[in-house]
Amino acid sequence: MTNKEIGFKKIKDLVTRFNEQLLAYKKSDYNETQTRRDFIDPFFKALGWDIDNEQGYAESYREVIHEDRVKVGKATKAPDYSFRIGGGNRLFFVEAKKPSVSIKEDIQPAYQVRRYGWSAKLNISVITDFEEFAIYDCTKKPNPTDKSSVARVKYITFNDYEKEWDFLWNTFSKEAVLKGSFDKFIGGNANKKGTATVDKEFLNSLDQWRTLLAETISKENKQLDEDELNYVVQQTLDRIIFLRICEDRSIEPYGTLQNTLKNDEYYKNLLQEFKQADDKYNSGLFDLKKDKLSHTLSINNKTLKTIINQLYYPECPYEFSVLSVEILGSAYEQFLGKTITINNRGKAVIELKPEVRKAGGVYYTPQYIVDYIVTNTIGNLTQNKTPKEVAEIK
């Protein structure tokens, strides 16, 4: 028997078992962990994936990454599965749900998986509870009010798995991925109309937050000149973004920034977080002794609340735990090439810096060039050395 035929037999057995006890599986106390173990893991094993790393690959070369599930209210901070080949880039995410959830109708799971996929610049991702299997185009910016059908490119129920086996195998099996069928599917079926890349959208968000901060700070702090205004806006926003990324990557407790929105002294609370961050990271970004301006500022609660809330689910479309360094770097290089002026009506105007305008814009160094430079410079110096030996290199 071929691998495809063996997989088909396993899927038939899973479908039979699920159908025989459907009512029990649909009860709310049958949870996601049980669903993953009983059905979703075997489903993808049938498609040829080494779900449990039985080949004993090093962590960086695992085919399937099981993300940590950290619940924050009703939201989950990371997708359940990340699929890749040979330790390379992610191919697609799979978000698991329990069968009592209606994947076809519930908007929250759809928004979650699209948010993950879009933030990671993936073309498609999947939600499944085994009873249902939905594929989403992740090239479109997700909106929390989108219907569950928005950007959904295919929907299958478990009763159709046998009939749809050719499609499932030819698209999502490990063999198909290695032969390029997956690439053909995402190239031919992902709807590119109206797409918005996450790096461009993140840059737009940075500009919006910078404009809001600049107008507020300029209005409430008349003593600042233009250079000082640019400095404090940049520092404030950089610090907020840094801490928010740390939260989603479990370096800081989730909700740290939101907790500053209390006692009617939001900016004072925020400064306290900056001070604690300086003690922890000692990086210069949070150095309020060197920064003589930030502690003298007045920033109203409404502005801070708007910006901070837009950095959290569900208002925020970005999942910072999967947002790559390349995406952040590209957006920030563009961001740093701009400057703020306040016009006669008190409105902030963002323009390219003169030197950037003269150069024709900002160009982000592609990752493959960065990798080549690092490998052929620092890489040669650090090869086969322990961290202690690397620290002694001068």
Foldseek 3Di string as FASTA:
>chain_A
DDLLVQLLVLLVVLLVVCVVPVVVQLDPVNWQVNLCVSPVVSNQVSLVAPQPPPVVDDPLQHQKDQDDFDDDPPDTQAAGIFGDHRSDQTAETEHEGGNNDDLQWDLVVLLRRLLLCLLLVHQWYWYDSQQKIWIFGNQAQGASPDTSCPRTQDMDGSVCCSVCSVVCNCAPRPVNVVVCSVVVCSVPGRDPPRGDHPLNVVLVLLVVLLQLQLLQQCVQPVPDDQVRSQVLSVLVVVVLVVVLLCCSQVNDPPCQLVVLLDPQPNLVSVLVVLVVVCVVPVPPSSPVVVVVPSVVTDGGSVSSVVSNVCSDPPNDSHSSNSNDPQSVQVSVQQVVQWGWDQDPVSGIDIDGDPVQVVVVHGDDDDPVVVVVVCCVPVVVVCPPHDPVVSVPDD
